[in-house]
Protein backbone atom coordinates (compact mmCIF):
# COMPACT_ATOMS: atom_id res chain seq x y z
CA MET A 1 -23.58 63.14 -8.65
CA PHE A 2 -21.81 65.75 -10.88
CA LEU A 3 -18.23 64.72 -11.98
CA GLY A 4 -17.74 67.82 -14.22
CA THR A 5 -14.80 68.58 -16.50
CA PRO A 6 -11.13 67.49 -15.59
CA GLY A 7 -9.19 70.36 -14.78
CA ILE A 8 -12.00 72.82 -13.90
CA ARG A 9 -13.02 72.70 -10.33
CA ARG A 10 -16.13 74.35 -9.16
CA ASP A 11 -16.87 75.44 -5.63
CA ASP A 12 -19.64 73.51 -3.88
CA GLU A 13 -20.86 73.21 -0.28
CA GLU A 14 -20.18 69.42 -0.24
CA GLY A 15 -16.46 69.78 -0.79
CA LEU A 16 -16.48 67.32 -3.51
CA SER A 17 -14.99 69.75 -6.29
CA TRP A 18 -11.82 67.44 -6.40
CA GLN A 19 -14.06 64.81 -8.31
CA SER A 20 -13.93 66.87 -11.45
CA ASP A 21 -10.16 66.18 -11.64
CA ALA A 22 -10.33 62.59 -10.82
CA LEU A 23 -8.86 60.17 -13.57
CA CYS A 24 -11.50 57.70 -12.63
CA ALA A 25 -14.23 59.95 -13.86
CA GLN A 26 -12.62 59.41 -17.24
CA THR A 27 -12.42 55.63 -17.14
CA ASP A 28 -14.73 52.46 -16.79
CA PRO A 29 -16.22 52.63 -13.23
CA GLU A 30 -16.32 48.79 -13.22
CA ALA A 31 -12.40 48.81 -12.78
CA PHE A 32 -12.81 50.37 -9.37
CA PHE A 33 -15.63 48.11 -8.20
CA PRO A 34 -14.23 44.65 -9.17
CA GLU A 35 -16.23 41.45 -8.57
CA LYS A 36 -15.22 39.64 -5.43
CA GLY A 37 -11.76 38.12 -5.99
CA GLY A 38 -11.25 40.44 -9.11
CA SER A 39 -8.19 42.25 -9.71
CA THR A 40 -7.58 45.73 -8.49
CA ARG A 41 -4.50 46.24 -10.37
CA GLU A 42 -5.88 48.54 -13.26
CA ALA A 43 -7.79 50.78 -10.91
CA LYS A 44 -4.68 51.08 -8.72
CA ARG A 45 -2.52 52.04 -11.70
CA ILE A 46 -5.01 54.76 -12.57
CA CYS A 47 -4.92 56.09 -9.11
CA GLU A 48 -1.21 56.28 -9.06
CA GLY A 49 -1.22 59.19 -11.60
CA CYS A 50 -4.22 60.97 -10.31
CA GLU A 51 -3.81 64.34 -8.92
CA VAL A 52 -6.60 64.11 -6.45
CA ARG A 53 -5.77 60.87 -4.85
CA SER A 54 -5.17 62.09 -1.41
CA GLU A 55 -8.60 63.90 -1.54
CA CYS A 56 -10.32 60.72 -2.76
CA LEU A 57 -8.67 58.61 0.16
CA GLU A 58 -9.58 61.30 2.67
CA TYR A 59 -13.22 61.16 1.34
CA ALA A 60 -13.34 57.43 1.59
CA LEU A 61 -11.92 57.17 5.07
CA GLU A 62 -14.25 60.21 6.35
CA ASN A 63 -17.35 58.63 4.79
CA ASP A 64 -16.48 54.90 5.61
CA GLU A 65 -16.67 53.80 1.99
CA ARG A 66 -16.93 49.84 2.22
CA PHE A 67 -16.71 48.99 -1.36
CA GLY A 68 -14.34 49.72 -4.27
CA ILE A 69 -10.94 51.39 -4.76
CA TRP A 70 -10.69 54.75 -3.54
CA GLY A 71 -7.32 56.88 -3.40
CA GLY A 72 -5.58 53.83 -4.69
CA LEU A 73 -6.53 51.59 -1.72
CA SER A 74 -9.03 48.59 -1.46
CA GLU A 75 -11.35 48.41 1.49
CA ARG A 76 -9.02 46.02 3.24
CA GLU A 77 -6.14 48.40 2.77
CA ARG A 78 -8.28 51.24 4.14
CA ARG A 79 -9.37 49.21 7.28
CA LYS A 80 -5.70 48.48 7.94
CA LEU A 81 -4.80 52.19 7.55
CA ARG A 82 -7.73 53.05 10.02
CA ARG A 83 -6.44 50.53 12.45
CA GLU A 84 -2.70 51.80 12.36
CA ALA A 85 -3.90 55.36 12.89
CA ILE A 86 -5.57 54.51 16.24
């Protein structure tokens, strides 16, 4: 997967150009995939300041991502969001 250079988006057929601007691409990925029972605080703090947070969350919801922090939400929080949307 190409994450690119922050601030420089490229057009691609998959619609994932937002990833090049994601703050998580510049940090330790382990923060976004903590061990069971591990803290999600650091990942969520990073997501708060990310300019592509909404694109990230949309991607996770559309692709039923089951693990990790996406768009500032855990899997449990994303499941709750899906249930409330129905």
